[in-house]
Amino acid sequence: MEVEPAQPKPDEAVTADAAPAAAVAAPAAMELEDNSNTASAPSGAPNKKRKSEGASKRLEIDPLGLPATSKRERKTVAVFEAEDFQAAAAAKAESRTHLDGRGTKLEDIPSTCESIKAAKMKGQELKMAHQLVFGGASKEKLRKQQLLEFSGYLPTKSTDNEEEQKAIDDKLELKYGDKARKLTNPGLKNLCDFFDIDRSATDGEKVDKDFLVDRLLDFLAEPSEDLTKTWIKDNKKKAAAAAAKKKKAKAEAGKKKAAKEESSDEEDEDDMLEDVDGQKVPTDKALRRWVKAYVRCFNLDKATTKHAMETASDKFGVDLKPKKQRIKELLTEAMA
């Protein structure tokens, strides 16, 4: 009995037919590739070896296979730290502290010197005062000494030309005025107290910002002890004591003089009279003494020459019409 061969399925038949074709096509494709590489390659150098040498060459130049380029030389840039700027600013501020001003050094003004020395090294008033006077940054340990050596922001006269000197002074006054006006009123008061500047108002002055700025800059322009509160207070006490002493001495002198005049009045009236044309009249010395007593006893705003003549006549018991002109002269002299 014959057995029929199994019929392949449609898909299997296609695959079986395609396999020999693929096997034939693969060598052909490889041959074509080899031929193309052979055609582009130089004679006597296998293509595979050239490829490996080229790849290794590129790797030697740049690991990423990028084309080699020449390196540009970078410029060096100086890097500054914050400390450098602070040191430069401090050096600049220190150079400004050695200027000679027209006033007295603050270390030679007792009350101001004492206030600066008593200030705290890191205190706000000390820092504010130093910044207003010198400006810029500063080292904490140098602030007190620099302030003590300060003698005014108006420099000693550098020229004989008054107009040029005035222009220099005006420029500095404007500069410091602008700086001072940026401060608040409490800040200005604190600075005045720090330098012991007198800021008491007189003659109904208004204590406003302009007043405080003027008092502060008057002192800082040309420091002087007579602008300090302590000096003014001490001298007021001295002046009051001197005035009281003078008043007391004057009163005692007046008492002695009055006692002397009273003792003179007790002299014999005959010695105070002289004979004129057969009539007894007071001497000039007696009239002068009487006029002084009259001025002390009567209100001169209401007294008249007539009243004075009548009073004198009653005093000496004689008619003093011949002495009227002399009495008027003595009254005018006594009231002068």
Foldseek 3Di string as FASTA:
>chain_A
DDDDDDDDDPVVVVVVVVVVVVVVVVVVVVVVVCVVQVVPDDPPDDSVVVVVVVVVVLCVQPVVSDDHDDDDDDDDDDDDDPVVVLVVQAVQLVVQLPAAADADQLLPQVVLLVLLVPDDLPDPLLVVVSCLQRNTHHDSVCSSVSNRRQFAPQGDDPDPDPVVSVVVVVVVCVVSLVVLLVDDLVSLVSNCVSSQFDQDDPPPDDRDSVSSSVSNNVCRHGNDNCRGPVNVVVVVVVVVVVVVVVVVVVVVVVVVVVVVLVVVVPPDVVVQWDADPNDTDGDLVNLLSVLLVVVVPDDPVPDDLVNVQVVRCVVSVHRCPVCSVVSVVSNVVNVD
